[in-house]
Amino acid sequence: MDAVTPRARLLSFGGAGLVIVIGGVAGPLLGGITGEAIAIALISLGAIAIVSLVFLEIGLSEDRERARERGTRAVRPRPPRRRRRPD
């Protein structure tokens, strides 16, 4: 069920972090407005990628939890539901 392997997870977060670092280094090296714009763009893209990956991790953990609950429900029978009497 887990579509993201630990290696892919490491590469994804590492790649996003690397983009942030490159943006931080490229800004002062290029200088001027161009360097500033490139730095802002790269740092923003890296930060967006990290936040997106965190939300993906949360969603995957919720999916695993739901699958685990479905597995335990299949083993344990549900109690019968009581019918409501009409008033």
PDB file of N, CA and C in Angstrom:
ATOM      1  N   MET A   1       0.827  -1.195   0.000  1.00  0.00           N
ATOM      2  CA  MET A   1       0.000   0.000   0.000  1.00  0.00           C
ATOM      3  C   MET A   1       0.867   1.252   0.000  1.00  0.00           C
ATOM      4  N   ASP A   2       2.010   1.162   0.662  1.00  0.00           N
ATOM      5  CA  ASP A   2       2.886   2.327   0.752  1.00  0.00           C
ATOM      6  C   ASP A   2       3.580   2.530  -0.585  1.00  0.00           C
ATOM      7  N   ALA A   3       3.188   3.572  -1.312  1.00  0.00           N
ATOM      8  CA  ALA A   3       3.697   3.808  -2.657  1.00  0.00           C
ATOM      9  C   ALA A   3       5.067   4.475  -2.656  1.00  0.00           C
ATOM     10  N   VAL A   4       5.495   4.990  -1.511  1.00  0.00           N
ATOM     11  CA  VAL A   4       6.764   5.710  -1.446  1.00  0.00           C
ATOM     12  C   VAL A   4       7.762   4.868  -0.654  1.00  0.00           C
ATOM     13  N   THR A   5       8.813   4.421  -1.325  1.00  0.00           N
ATOM     14  CA  THR A   5       9.840   3.640  -0.650  1.00  0.00           C
ATOM     15  C   THR A   5      10.718   4.574   0.183  1.00  0.00           C
ATOM     16  N   PRO A   6      11.406   4.028   1.176  1.00  0.00           N
ATOM     17  CA  PRO A   6      12.292   4.880   1.983  1.00  0.00           C
ATOM     18  C   PRO A   6      13.357   5.590   1.134  1.00  0.00           C
ATOM     19  N   ARG A   7      13.849   4.928   0.108  1.00  0.00           N
ATOM     20  CA  ARG A   7      14.854   5.550  -0.762  1.00  0.00           C
ATOM     21  C   ARG A   7      14.254   6.724  -1.544  1.00  0.00           C
ATOM     22  N   ALA A   8      13.048   6.520  -2.087  1.00  0.00           N
ATOM     23  CA  ALA A   8      12.378   7.600  -2.823  1.00  0.00           C
ATOM     24  C   ALA A   8      12.047   8.764  -1.899  1.00  0.00           C
ATOM     25  N   ARG A   9      11.667   8.438  -0.673  1.00  0.00           N
ATOM     26  CA  ARG A   9      11.358   9.480   0.321  1.00  0.00           C
ATOM     27  C   ARG A   9      12.607  10.316   0.617  1.00  0.00           C
ATOM     28  N   LEU A  10      13.735   9.635   0.818  1.00  0.00           N
ATOM     29  CA  LEU A  10      14.994  10.329   1.095  1.00  0.00           C
ATOM     30  C   LEU A  10      15.413  11.203  -0.084  1.00  0.00           C
ATOM     31  N   LEU A  11      15.296  10.676  -1.291  1.00  0.00           N
ATOM     32  CA  LEU A  11      15.665  11.446  -2.475  1.00  0.00           C
ATOM     33  C   LEU A  11      14.741  12.646  -2.680  1.00  0.00           C
ATOM     34  N   SER A  12      13.464  12.471  -2.390  1.00  0.00           N
ATOM     35  CA  SER A  12      12.514  13.577  -2.563  1.00  0.00           C
ATOM     36  C   SER A  12      12.800  14.723  -1.596  1.00  0.00           C
ATOM     37  N   PHE A  13      12.915  14.390  -0.313  1.00  0.00           N
ATOM     38  CA  PHE A  13      13.199  15.432   0.683  1.00  0.00           C
ATOM     39  C   PHE A  13      14.588  16.017   0.472  1.00  0.00           C
ATOM     40  N   GLY A  14      15.549  15.152   0.133  1.00  0.00           N
ATOM     41  CA  GLY A  14      16.911  15.633  -0.118  1.00  0.00           C
ATOM     42  C   GLY A  14      16.981  16.541  -1.329  1.00  0.00           C
ATOM     43  N   GLY A  15      16.249  16.191  -2.372  1.00  0.00           N
ATOM     44  CA  GLY A  15      16.222  17.033  -3.570  1.00  0.00           C
ATOM     45  C   GLY A  15      15.606  18.390  -3.305  1.00  0.00           C
ATOM     46  N   ALA A  16      14.534  18.400  -2.529  1.00  0.00           N
ATOM     47  CA  ALA A  16      13.897  19.672  -2.184  1.00  0.00           C
ATOM     48  C   ALA A  16      14.832  20.527  -1.324  1.00  0.00           C
ATOM     49  N   GLY A  17      15.514  19.882  -0.390  1.00  0.00           N
ATOM     50  CA  GLY A  17      16.473  20.615   0.439  1.00  0.00           C
ATOM     51  C   GLY A  17      17.632  21.147  -0.384  1.00  0.00           C
ATOM     52  N   LEU A  18      18.077  20.358  -1.354  1.00  0.00           N
ATOM     53  CA  LEU A  18      19.165  20.784  -2.237  1.00  0.00           C
ATOM     54  C   LEU A  18      18.770  22.003  -3.069  1.00  0.00           C
ATOM     55  N   VAL A  19      17.538  22.036  -3.531  1.00  0.00           N
ATOM     56  CA  VAL A  19      17.052  23.199  -4.293  1.00  0.00           C
ATOM     57  C   VAL A  19      17.079  24.453  -3.414  1.00  0.00           C
ATOM     58  N   ILE A  20      16.726  24.306  -2.143  1.00  0.00           N
ATOM     59  CA  ILE A  20      16.775  25.444  -1.227  1.00  0.00           C
ATOM     60  C   ILE A  20      18.209  25.924  -1.042  1.00  0.00           C
ATOM     61  N   VAL A  21      19.131  24.986  -0.866  1.00  0.00           N
ATOM     62  CA  VAL A  21      20.540  25.350  -0.682  1.00  0.00           C
ATOM     63  C   VAL A  21      21.096  26.013  -1.943  1.00  0.00           C
ATOM     64  N   ILE A  22      20.767  25.475  -3.104  1.00  0.00           N
ATOM     65  CA  ILE A  22      21.240  26.065  -4.367  1.00  0.00           C
ATOM     66  C   ILE A  22      20.700  27.488  -4.501  1.00  0.00           C
ATOM     67  N   GLY A  23      19.439  27.684  -4.132  1.00  0.00           N
ATOM     68  CA  GLY A  23      18.871  29.029  -4.186  1.00  0.00           C
ATOM     69  C   GLY A  23      19.585  29.985  -3.253  1.00  0.00           C
ATOM     70  N   GLY A  24      19.936  29.496  -2.070  1.00  0.00           N
ATOM     71  CA  GLY A  24      20.654  30.350  -1.116  1.00  0.00           C
ATOM     72  C   GLY A  24      22.058  30.693  -1.571  1.00  0.00           C
ATOM     73  N   VAL A  25      22.692  29.797  -2.307  1.00  0.00           N
ATOM     74  CA  VAL A  25      24.055  30.039  -2.797  1.00  0.00           C
ATOM     75  C   VAL A  25      24.034  30.851  -4.091  1.00  0.00           C
ATOM     76  N   ALA A  26      23.072  30.566  -4.966  1.00  0.00           N
ATOM     77  CA  ALA A  26      23.027  31.230  -6.269  1.00  0.00           C
ATOM     78  C   ALA A  26      22.706  32.714  -6.155  1.00  0.00           C
ATOM     79  N   GLY A  27      21.905  33.092  -5.175  1.00  0.00           N
ATOM     80  CA  GLY A  27      21.532  34.504  -5.021  1.00  0.00           C
ATOM     81  C   GLY A  27      22.738  35.411  -4.862  1.00  0.00           C
ATOM     82  N   PRO A  28      23.575  35.180  -3.871  1.00  0.00           N
ATOM     83  CA  PRO A  28      24.749  36.052  -3.694  1.00  0.00           C
ATOM     84  C   PRO A  28      25.779  35.909  -4.827  1.00  0.00           C
ATOM     85  N   LEU A  29      25.901  34.705  -5.397  1.00  0.00           N
ATOM     86  CA  LEU A  29      26.885  34.516  -6.470  1.00  0.00           C
ATOM     87  C   LEU A  29      26.517  35.300  -7.727  1.00  0.00           C
ATOM     88  N   LEU A  30      25.238  35.283  -8.082  1.00  0.00           N
ATOM     89  CA  LEU A  30      24.810  35.986  -9.289  1.00  0.00           C
ATOM     90  C   LEU A  30      24.677  37.486  -9.031  1.00  0.00           C
ATOM     91  N   GLY A  31      24.236  37.828  -7.839  1.00  0.00           N
ATOM     92  CA  GLY A  31      24.124  39.236  -7.476  1.00  0.00           C
ATOM     93  C   GLY A  31      23.021  39.967  -8.220  1.00  0.00           C
ATOM     94  N   GLY A  32      22.718  41.124  -7.740  1.00  0.00           N
ATOM     95  CA  GLY A  32      21.726  41.989  -8.395  1.00  0.00           C
ATOM     96  C   GLY A  32      20.311  41.454  -8.272  1.00  0.00           C
ATOM     97  N   ILE A  33      19.454  42.043  -9.068  1.00  0.00           N
ATOM     98  CA  ILE A  33      18.039  41.667  -9.051  1.00  0.00           C
ATOM     99  C   ILE A  33      17.847  40.266  -9.609  1.00  0.00           C
ATOM    100  N   THR A  34      18.640  39.896 -10.611  1.00  0.00           N
ATOM    101  CA  THR A  34      18.520  38.562 -11.202  1.00  0.00           C
ATOM    102  C   THR A  34      18.850  37.489 -10.177  1.00  0.00           C
ATOM    103  N   GLY A  35      19.939  37.665  -9.458  1.00  0.00           N
ATOM    104  CA  GLY A  35      20.310  36.700  -8.426  1.00  0.00           C
ATOM    105  C   GLY A  35      19.268  36.606  -7.328  1.00  0.00           C
ATOM    106  N   GLU A  36      18.734  37.758  -6.961  1.00  0.00           N
ATOM    107  CA  GLU A  36      17.703  37.784  -5.933  1.00  0.00           C
ATOM    108  C   GLU A  36      16.446  37.056  -6.398  1.00  0.00           C
ATOM    109  N   ALA A  37      16.044  37.291  -7.640  1.00  0.00           N
ATOM    110  CA  ALA A  37      14.848  36.640  -8.184  1.00  0.00           C
ATOM    111  C   ALA A  37      15.037  35.127  -8.279  1.00  0.00           C
ATOM    112  N   ILE A  38      16.210  34.697  -8.728  1.00  0.00           N
ATOM    113  CA  ILE A  38      16.486  33.264  -8.832  1.00  0.00           C
ATOM    114  C   ILE A  38      16.513  32.633  -7.440  1.00  0.00           C
ATOM    115  N   ALA A  39      17.119  33.323  -6.477  1.00  0.00           N
ATOM    116  CA  ALA A  39      17.172  32.801  -5.114  1.00  0.00           C
ATOM    117  C   ALA A  39      15.767  32.657  -4.536  1.00  0.00           C
ATOM    118  N   ILE A  40      14.945  33.664  -4.711  1.00  0.00           N
ATOM    119  CA  ILE A  40      13.575  33.606  -4.192  1.00  0.00           C
ATOM    120  C   ILE A  40      12.805  32.469  -4.856  1.00  0.00           C
ATOM    121  N   ALA A  41      12.952  32.335  -6.162  1.00  0.00           N
ATOM    122  CA  ALA A  41      12.230  31.288  -6.888  1.00  0.00           C
ATOM    123  C   ALA A  41      12.665  29.894  -6.434  1.00  0.00           C
ATOM    124  N   LEU A  42      13.966  29.661  -6.346  1.00  0.00           N
ATOM    125  CA  LEU A  42      14.444  28.329  -5.964  1.00  0.00           C
ATOM    126  C   LEU A  42      14.104  27.992  -4.510  1.00  0.00           C
ATOM    127  N   ILE A  43      14.283  28.943  -3.621  1.00  0.00           N
ATOM    128  CA  ILE A  43      13.962  28.687  -2.217  1.00  0.00           C
ATOM    129  C   ILE A  43      12.463  28.439  -2.056  1.00  0.00           C
ATOM    130  N   SER A  44      11.653  29.195  -2.770  1.00  0.00           N
ATOM    131  CA  SER A  44      10.201  29.005  -2.694  1.00  0.00           C
ATOM    132  C   SER A  44       9.793  27.635  -3.237  1.00  0.00           C
ATOM    133  N   LEU A  45      10.358  27.244  -4.368  1.00  0.00           N
ATOM    134  CA  LEU A  45      10.036  25.931  -4.939  1.00  0.00           C
ATOM    135  C   LEU A  45      10.446  24.799  -4.002  1.00  0.00           C
ATOM    136  N   GLY A  46      11.616  24.921  -3.407  1.00  0.00           N
ATOM    137  CA  GLY A  46      12.058  23.895  -2.471  1.00  0.00           C
ATOM    138  C   GLY A  46      11.160  23.811  -1.246  1.00  0.00           C
ATOM    139  N   ALA A  47      10.767  24.958  -0.718  1.00  0.00           N
ATOM    140  CA  ALA A  47       9.894  24.980   0.455  1.00  0.00           C
ATOM    141  C   ALA A  47       8.514  24.405   0.125  1.00  0.00           C
ATOM    142  N   ILE A  48       7.988  24.746  -1.037  1.00  0.00           N
ATOM    143  CA  ILE A  48       6.694  24.199  -1.464  1.00  0.00           C
ATOM    144  C   ILE A  48       6.788  22.688  -1.612  1.00  0.00           C
ATOM    145  N   ALA A  49       7.891  22.207  -2.176  1.00  0.00           N
ATOM    146  CA  ALA A  49       8.082  20.762  -2.334  1.00  0.00           C
ATOM    147  C   ALA A  49       8.125  20.060  -0.983  1.00  0.00           C
ATOM    148  N   ILE A  50       8.816  20.635  -0.015  1.00  0.00           N
ATOM    149  CA  ILE A  50       8.898  20.015   1.308  1.00  0.00           C
ATOM    150  C   ILE A  50       7.526  19.980   1.983  1.00  0.00           C
ATOM    151  N   VAL A  51       6.790  21.070   1.923  1.00  0.00           N
ATOM    152  CA  VAL A  51       5.454  21.093   2.527  1.00  0.00           C
ATOM    153  C   VAL A  51       4.545  20.079   1.836  1.00  0.00           C
ATOM    154  N   SER A  52       4.627  19.982   0.521  1.00  0.00           N
ATOM    155  CA  SER A  52       3.815  19.013  -0.219  1.00  0.00           C
ATOM    156  C   SER A  52       4.168  17.589   0.175  1.00  0.00           C
ATOM    157  N   LEU A  53       5.452  17.311   0.336  1.00  0.00           N
ATOM    158  CA  LEU A  53       5.880  15.972   0.734  1.00  0.00           C
ATOM    159  C   LEU A  53       5.427  15.634   2.150  1.00  0.00           C
ATOM    160  N   VAL A  54       5.416  16.616   3.030  1.00  0.00           N
ATOM    161  CA  VAL A  54       4.930  16.376   4.393  1.00  0.00           C
ATOM    162  C   VAL A  54       3.441  16.020   4.351  1.00  0.00           C
ATOM    163  N   PHE A  55       2.648  16.747   3.561  1.00  0.00           N
ATOM    164  CA  PHE A  55       1.231  16.425   3.434  1.00  0.00           C
ATOM    165  C   PHE A  55       1.035  15.045   2.809  1.00  0.00           C
ATOM    166  N   LEU A  56       1.876  14.671   1.858  1.00  0.00           N
ATOM    167  CA  LEU A  56       1.809  13.340   1.269  1.00  0.00           C
ATOM    168  C   LEU A  56       2.065  12.276   2.334  1.00  0.00           C
ATOM    169  N   GLU A  57       3.067  12.484   3.165  1.00  0.00           N
ATOM    170  CA  GLU A  57       3.376  11.543   4.236  1.00  0.00           C
ATOM    171  C   GLU A  57       2.203  11.401   5.194  1.00  0.00           C
ATOM    172  N   ILE A  58       1.569  12.509   5.535  1.00  0.00           N
ATOM    173  CA  ILE A  58       0.415  12.462   6.436  1.00  0.00           C
ATOM    174  C   ILE A  58      -0.726  11.677   5.794  1.00  0.00           C
ATOM    175  N   GLY A  59      -0.982  11.936   4.525  1.00  0.00           N
ATOM    176  CA  GLY A  59      -2.036  11.212   3.818  1.00  0.00           C
ATOM    177  C   GLY A  59      -1.762   9.721   3.731  1.00  0.00           C
ATOM    178  N   LEU A  60      -0.518   9.350   3.450  1.00  0.00           N
ATOM    179  CA  LEU A  60      -0.173   7.938   3.369  1.00  0.00           C
ATOM    180  C   LEU A  60      -0.304   7.249   4.724  1.00  0.00           C
ATOM    181  N   SER A  61       0.070   7.944   5.793  1.00  0.00           N
ATOM    182  CA  SER A  61      -0.073   7.334   7.118  1.00  0.00           C
ATOM    183  C   SER A  61      -1.544   7.152   7.468  1.00  0.00           C
ATOM    184  N   GLU A  62      -2.401   8.090   7.073  1.00  0.00           N
ATOM    185  CA  GLU A  62      -3.837   7.938   7.305  1.00  0.00           C
ATOM    186  C   GLU A  62      -4.393   6.776   6.496  1.00  0.00           C
ATOM    187  N   ASP A  63      -3.923   6.605   5.259  1.00  0.00           N
ATOM    188  CA  ASP A  63      -4.363   5.469   4.444  1.00  0.00           C
ATOM    189  C   ASP A  63      -3.953   4.149   5.078  1.00  0.00           C
ATOM    190  N   ARG A  64      -2.725   4.072   5.592  1.00  0.00           N
ATOM    191  CA  ARG A  64      -2.269   2.851   6.258  1.00  0.00           C
ATOM    192  C   ARG A  64      -3.110   2.561   7.494  1.00  0.00           C
ATOM    193  N   GLU A  65      -3.434   3.605   8.252  1.00  0.00           N
ATOM    194  CA  GLU A  65      -4.254   3.426   9.450  1.00  0.00           C
ATOM    195  C   GLU A  65      -5.647   2.921   9.087  1.00  0.00           C
ATOM    196  N   ARG A  66      -6.254   3.476   8.044  1.00  0.00           N
ATOM    197  CA  ARG A  66      -7.576   3.020   7.602  1.00  0.00           C
ATOM    198  C   ARG A  66      -7.528   1.570   7.146  1.00  0.00           C
ATOM    199  N   ALA A  67      -6.476   1.196   6.415  1.00  0.00           N
ATOM    200  CA  ALA A  67      -6.340  -0.186   5.957  1.00  0.00           C
ATOM    201  C   ALA A  67      -6.182  -1.125   7.151  1.00  0.00           C
ATOM    202  N   ARG A  68      -5.442  -0.704   8.163  1.00  0.00           N
ATOM    203  CA  ARG A  68      -5.267  -1.510   9.368  1.00  0.00           C
ATOM    204  C   ARG A  68      -6.603  -1.679  10.088  1.00  0.00           C
ATOM    205  N   GLU A  69      -7.386  -0.599  10.159  1.00  0.00           N
ATOM    206  CA  GLU A  69      -8.698  -0.682  10.804  1.00  0.00           C
ATOM    207  C   GLU A  69      -9.626  -1.611  10.046  1.00  0.00           C
ATOM    208  N   ARG A  70      -9.597  -1.538   8.717  1.00  0.00           N
ATOM    209  CA  ARG A  70     -10.429  -2.427   7.913  1.00  0.00           C
ATOM    210  C   ARG A  70     -10.040  -3.875   8.137  1.00  0.00           C
ATOM    211  N   GLY A  71      -8.757  -4.127   8.308  1.00  0.00           N
ATOM    212  CA  GLY A  71      -8.291  -5.490   8.556  1.00  0.00           C
ATOM    213  C   GLY A  71      -8.764  -6.018   9.893  1.00  0.00           C
ATOM    214  N   THR A  72      -8.771  -5.203  10.921  1.00  0.00           N
ATOM    215  CA  THR A  72      -9.233  -5.655  12.234  1.00  0.00           C
ATOM    216  C   THR A  72     -10.750  -5.786  12.263  1.00  0.00           C
ATOM    217  N   ARG A  73     -11.452  -4.955  11.530  1.00  0.00           N
ATOM    218  CA  ARG A  73     -12.910  -5.052  11.478  1.00  0.00           C
ATOM    219  C   ARG A  73     -13.344  -6.330  10.783  1.00  0.00           C
ATOM    220  N   ALA A  74     -12.579  -6.781   9.779  1.00  0.00           N
ATOM    221  CA  ALA A  74     -12.936  -7.986   9.054  1.00  0.00           C
ATOM    222  C   ALA A  74     -12.830  -9.206   9.972  1.00  0.00           C
ATOM    223  N   VAL A  75     -11.926  -9.183  10.926  1.00  0.00           N
ATOM    224  CA  VAL A  75     -11.733 -10.303  11.830  1.00  0.00           C
ATOM    225  C   VAL A  75     -12.789 -10.298  12.927  1.00  0.00           C
ATOM    226  N   ARG A  76     -13.107  -9.138  13.465  1.00  0.00           N
ATOM    227  CA  ARG A  76     -14.040  -9.010  14.574  1.00  0.00           C
ATOM    228  C   ARG A  76     -15.443  -8.729  14.024  1.00  0.00           C
ATOM    229  N   PRO A  77     -16.444  -9.557  14.368  1.00  0.00           N
ATOM    230  CA  PRO A  77     -17.800  -9.310  13.847  1.00  0.00           C
ATOM    231  C   PRO A  77     -18.406  -8.063  14.471  1.00  0.00           C
ATOM    232  N   ARG A  78     -19.227  -7.405  13.698  1.00  0.00           N
ATOM    233  CA  ARG A  78     -19.891  -6.194  14.172  1.00  0.00           C
ATOM    234  C   ARG A  78     -21.109  -6.584  15.001  1.00  0.00           C
ATOM    235  N   PRO A  79     -21.386  -5.835  16.054  1.00  0.00           N
ATOM    236  CA  PRO A  79     -22.593  -6.118  16.836  1.00  0.00           C
ATOM    237  C   PRO A  79     -23.830  -5.742  16.020  1.00  0.00           C
ATOM    238  N   PRO A  80     -24.942  -6.446  16.242  1.00  0.00           N
ATOM    239  CA  PRO A  80     -26.153  -6.121  15.474  1.00  0.00           C
ATOM    240  C   PRO A  80     -26.676  -4.732  15.841  1.00  0.00           C
ATOM    241  N   ARG A  81     -27.209  -4.056  14.836  1.00  0.00           N
ATOM    242  CA  ARG A  81     -27.762  -2.723  15.060  1.00  0.00           C
ATOM    243  C   ARG A  81     -29.190  -2.845  15.547  1.00  0.00           C
ATOM    244  N   ARG A  82     -29.564  -1.982  16.473  1.00  0.00           N
ATOM    245  CA  ARG A  82     -30.919  -1.967  16.968  1.00  0.00           C
ATOM    246  C   ARG A  82     -31.794  -1.129  16.046  1.00  0.00           C
ATOM    247  N   ARG A  83     -32.961  -1.606  15.806  1.00  0.00           N
ATOM    248  CA  ARG A  83     -33.896  -0.854  14.968  1.00  0.00           C
ATOM    249  C   ARG A  83     -34.652   0.136  15.842  1.00  0.00           C
ATOM    250  N   ARG A  84     -34.867   1.298  15.271  1.00  0.00           N
ATOM    251  CA  ARG A  84     -35.636   2.308  15.988  1.00  0.00           C
ATOM    252  C   ARG A  84     -37.118   2.022  15.797  1.00  0.00           C
ATOM    253  N   ARG A  85     -37.879   2.188  16.854  1.00  0.00           N
ATOM    254  CA  ARG A  85     -39.318   1.997  16.766  1.00  0.00           C
ATOM    255  C   ARG A  85     -39.961   3.265  16.228  1.00  0.00           C
ATOM    256  N   PRO A  86     -40.884   3.125  15.330  1.00  0.00           N
ATOM    257  CA  PRO A  86     -41.583   4.331  14.829  1.00  0.00           C
ATOM    258  C   PRO A  86     -42.417   4.942  15.934  1.00  0.00           C
ATOM    259  N   ASP A  87     -42.461   6.254  15.964  1.00  0.00           N
ATOM    260  CA  ASP A  87     -43.219   6.967  17.009  1.00  0.00           C
ATOM    261  C   ASP A  87     -44.677   6.964  16.731  1.00  0.00           C
TER     262      ASP A  87
END
